[in-house]
């Protein structure tokens, strides 16, 4: 049995201004703060002698590889991203960036915001534009019913409110 994994579908390139700023801050922190500190510690560990059994040196090199990989990813990703900072003309229709209040079959209300794949956070009710719920919501309006297949099976929601900004 091989280790082949089917390629994943590329995520969308849309992002909110706040999300892009957060990615830029992470890149700046990794490149200007964390990487120089780890580089210094690796240099100090290398000066101690035998590197083959020097745990600090081995761990530091591993950390540098991880930082460099993340920096490469962030730089490439930031070049590809499209910042969506414009509020749509029709503010009753659900588009990227919308904050949507939904009512489920039991009468419970939940509010979600549709954001980019790089900034989703379920604890803050921010769902990726690539998520099944977001795809089902896009293009719907206040008062529409939606049905989508999620991890728990089919769910139905009623769109109560849509806000932007």
Protein backbone atom coordinates (compact mmCIF):
# COMPACT_ATOMS: atom_id res chain seq x y z
CA UNK A 1 0.00 0.00 0.00
CA UNK A 2 1.47 3.38 -1.01
CA UNK A 3 1.38 6.72 0.68
CA UNK A 4 -0.45 8.40 -2.20
CA UNK A 5 -2.94 11.06 -1.23
CA UNK A 6 -5.26 12.54 -3.79
CA UNK A 7 -4.60 16.25 -4.33
CA UNK A 8 -6.87 18.54 -2.37
CA UNK A 9 -9.04 21.10 -4.05
CA UNK A 10 -7.31 24.49 -3.78
CA UNK A 11 -8.95 26.84 -1.32
CA UNK A 12 -10.42 30.13 -2.41
CA UNK A 13 -8.18 33.18 -2.66
CA UNK A 14 -10.59 35.62 -0.99
CA UNK A 15 -9.75 37.17 2.37
CA UNK A 16 -10.99 40.01 4.55
CA UNK A 17 -8.70 42.97 5.26
CA UNK A 18 -8.43 41.83 8.90
CA UNK A 19 -7.43 38.32 7.82
CA UNK A 20 -4.73 39.60 5.49
CA UNK A 21 -3.36 41.86 8.22
CA UNK A 22 -3.21 38.88 10.59
CA UNK A 23 -1.24 36.81 8.05
CA UNK A 24 1.14 39.71 7.41
CA UNK A 25 1.68 40.11 11.17
CA UNK A 26 2.46 36.40 11.49
CA UNK A 27 4.95 36.60 8.63
CA UNK A 28 6.62 39.65 10.15
CA UNK A 29 6.85 37.98 13.58
CA UNK A 30 8.34 34.78 12.18
CA UNK A 31 10.87 36.56 9.95
CA UNK A 32 11.92 39.45 12.21
CA UNK A 33 11.57 38.01 15.72
CA UNK A 34 11.37 34.24 15.97
CA UNK A 35 13.79 33.20 13.21
CA UNK A 36 16.70 35.39 14.43
CA UNK A 37 16.26 34.06 18.00
CA UNK A 38 16.24 30.43 16.84
CA UNK A 39 19.23 31.11 14.56
CA UNK A 40 21.19 32.51 17.52
CA UNK A 41 20.35 29.49 19.68
CA UNK A 42 21.41 27.11 16.87
CA UNK A 43 24.69 28.99 16.48
CA UNK A 44 25.34 28.78 20.23
CA UNK A 45 24.48 25.07 20.28
CA UNK A 46 26.76 24.41 17.29
CA UNK A 47 29.64 26.09 19.10
CA UNK A 48 29.41 23.51 21.90
CA UNK A 49 31.03 20.82 19.80
CA UNK A 50 29.65 17.47 18.62
CA UNK A 51 26.46 18.22 16.72
CA UNK A 52 25.34 14.63 16.22
CA UNK A 53 24.33 14.23 19.88
CA UNK A 54 23.50 17.87 20.61
CA UNK A 55 19.73 17.95 21.23
CA UNK A 56 19.55 21.75 21.27
CA UNK A 57 21.24 21.93 17.87
CA UNK A 58 19.05 19.20 16.34
CA UNK A 59 15.84 20.71 17.73
CA UNK A 60 16.89 24.23 16.66
CA UNK A 61 17.57 23.08 13.08
CA UNK A 62 14.16 21.39 13.02
CA UNK A 63 12.54 24.59 14.27
CA UNK A 64 14.31 26.61 11.58
CA UNK A 65 13.02 24.27 8.87
CA UNK A 66 9.47 24.65 10.19
CA UNK A 67 9.75 28.45 10.38
CA UNK A 68 11.21 28.63 6.86
CA UNK A 69 8.44 26.41 5.48
CA UNK A 70 5.75 28.59 7.09
CA UNK A 71 7.44 31.79 5.82
CA UNK A 72 7.55 30.38 2.26
CA UNK A 73 3.89 29.40 2.49
CA UNK A 74 2.82 32.81 3.84
CA UNK A 75 4.77 34.76 1.22
CA UNK A 76 3.33 32.70 -1.62
CA UNK A 77 -0.19 32.80 -0.17
CA UNK A 78 -0.15 36.56 0.44
CA UNK A 79 0.76 37.12 -3.23
CA UNK A 80 -2.29 35.09 -4.33
CA UNK A 81 -4.91 36.55 -1.99
CA UNK A 82 -7.67 38.88 -3.13
CA UNK A 83 -8.82 41.27 -0.40
CA UNK A 84 -12.58 41.80 -0.35
CA UNK A 85 -13.20 45.12 1.37
CA UNK A 86 -16.18 46.38 -0.61
CA UNK A 87 -19.72 46.12 0.72
CA UNK A 88 -22.09 44.80 -1.97
CA UNK A 89 -24.87 46.97 -3.37
CA UNK A 90 -27.54 44.40 -2.46
CA UNK A 91 -27.07 43.98 1.29
CA UNK A 92 -29.91 41.50 1.69
CA UNK A 93 -28.12 38.86 -0.40
CA UNK A 94 -25.39 36.71 1.12
CA UNK A 95 -21.92 37.21 -0.31
CA UNK A 96 -18.36 36.84 0.99
CA UNK A 97 -17.88 38.72 4.28
CA UNK A 98 -21.55 38.63 5.30
CA UNK A 99 -22.64 38.07 8.89
CA UNK A 100 -25.67 35.83 8.72
CA UNK A 101 -28.16 35.02 11.46
CA UNK A 102 -29.80 31.64 10.91
CA UNK A 103 -32.58 29.79 12.65
CA UNK A 104 -32.40 25.99 12.71
CA UNK A 105 -35.25 23.48 12.75
CA UNK A 106 -35.51 23.67 16.56
CA UNK A 107 -35.80 27.47 16.62
CA UNK A 108 -32.22 28.07 17.79
CA UNK A 109 -30.46 31.09 16.33
CA UNK A 110 -26.81 31.20 15.33
CA UNK A 111 -24.75 33.91 13.65
CA UNK A 112 -21.91 33.14 11.25
CA UNK A 113 -19.56 35.23 9.16
CA UNK A 114 -18.31 33.95 5.80
CA UNK A 115 -14.55 34.50 5.60
CA UNK A 116 -11.57 33.18 3.65
CA UNK A 117 -10.10 29.71 4.07
CA UNK A 118 -7.04 31.16 5.86
CA UNK A 119 -9.05 32.89 8.57
CA UNK A 120 -11.92 30.60 9.58
CA UNK A 121 -12.40 30.19 13.33
CA UNK A 122 -15.31 28.10 14.56
CA UNK A 123 -14.95 29.46 18.11
CA UNK A 124 -15.73 32.92 16.73
CA UNK A 125 -18.39 31.54 14.32
CA UNK A 126 -16.31 32.43 11.27
CA UNK A 127 -16.78 29.82 8.57
CA UNK A 128 -14.72 29.36 5.42
CA UNK A 129 -16.25 30.33 2.11
CA UNK A 130 -15.32 26.79 1.03
CA UNK A 131 -17.35 25.12 3.82
CA UNK A 132 -20.58 23.30 2.84
CA UNK A 133 -22.74 25.68 4.90
CA UNK A 134 -21.16 28.78 3.33
CA UNK A 135 -21.55 27.36 -0.18
CA UNK A 136 -25.22 26.67 0.55
CA UNK A 137 -25.69 30.22 1.86
CA UNK A 138 -24.01 32.17 -0.96
CA UNK A 139 -26.57 33.95 -3.11
CA UNK A 140 -29.45 33.39 -0.68
CA UNK A 141 -31.48 36.27 0.73
CA UNK A 142 -33.21 37.19 3.98
CA UNK A 143 -36.24 34.92 4.36
CA UNK A 144 -34.84 32.03 2.30
CA UNK A 145 -34.74 28.44 3.52
CA UNK A 146 -31.56 26.47 2.90
CA UNK A 147 -30.79 22.77 3.11
CA UNK A 148 -27.26 21.45 3.13
CA UNK A 149 -25.47 18.23 3.88
CA UNK A 150 -23.00 18.65 6.73
CA UNK A 151 -21.07 16.27 8.97
CA UNK A 152 -24.22 15.46 10.94
CA UNK A 153 -26.34 14.82 7.86
CA UNK A 154 -28.90 17.10 6.23
CA UNK A 155 -29.74 20.32 8.05
CA UNK A 156 -32.27 23.03 7.31
CA UNK A 157 -31.95 26.69 8.20
CA UNK A 158 -33.96 29.86 7.73
CA UNK A 159 -32.07 33.10 6.98
CA UNK A 160 -33.15 35.72 9.52
CA UNK A 161 -30.66 38.52 8.92
CA UNK A 162 -27.68 39.53 6.77
CA UNK A 163 -25.21 42.28 7.74
CA UNK A 164 -21.98 43.61 6.30
CA UNK A 165 -19.15 45.65 7.78
